[in-house]
Amino acid sequence: MLRLHMTRLLDKAGEFGDASVADVARRTGISRSTLHRLAAGTKQPSLPTLWTLRGVYGVCMDTLVYDDPHPSQEPPGAPPAAMAAQLTDPGADFDHFPPDRPRPRLPHPQGTGAHHPRPAR
């Protein structure tokens, strides 16, 4: 499984004055939740994400990624960890779903509800 080498990314980002994931997100336009999932290894970096990081920080793509020889093992029948984490993450961005495919809908956890915008005053 391909993983983002977050330490190297943050070291390079530090050279540009970006000391946190929030700073990297602000400079690159990649959401903080995506960067956190990449750092946790629950999401593989996409080519556009790597290309953006390469362009912004001027680092070779092969410096940003490594092959994890021991990806986490999922129980049989369980959804992949990346999918499960994304579907249960309230801050998840679903920008990787093609427009012709519906977004997954999950029931809200007990005691919570859907976010409804406040009416204008």
Foldseek 3Di string as FASTA:
>chain_A
DKAFPVVLLQVLVVVVVQNDLVSVCVQQVPDSVVVVCRVVVLDHDDPVNLVSSCVRRVDDSVVGMDDDPCDDDDDPPDDRSSVVCQVPDPPHDPVVDDPVDDDDDDDDPPPDDDDDDDDDD
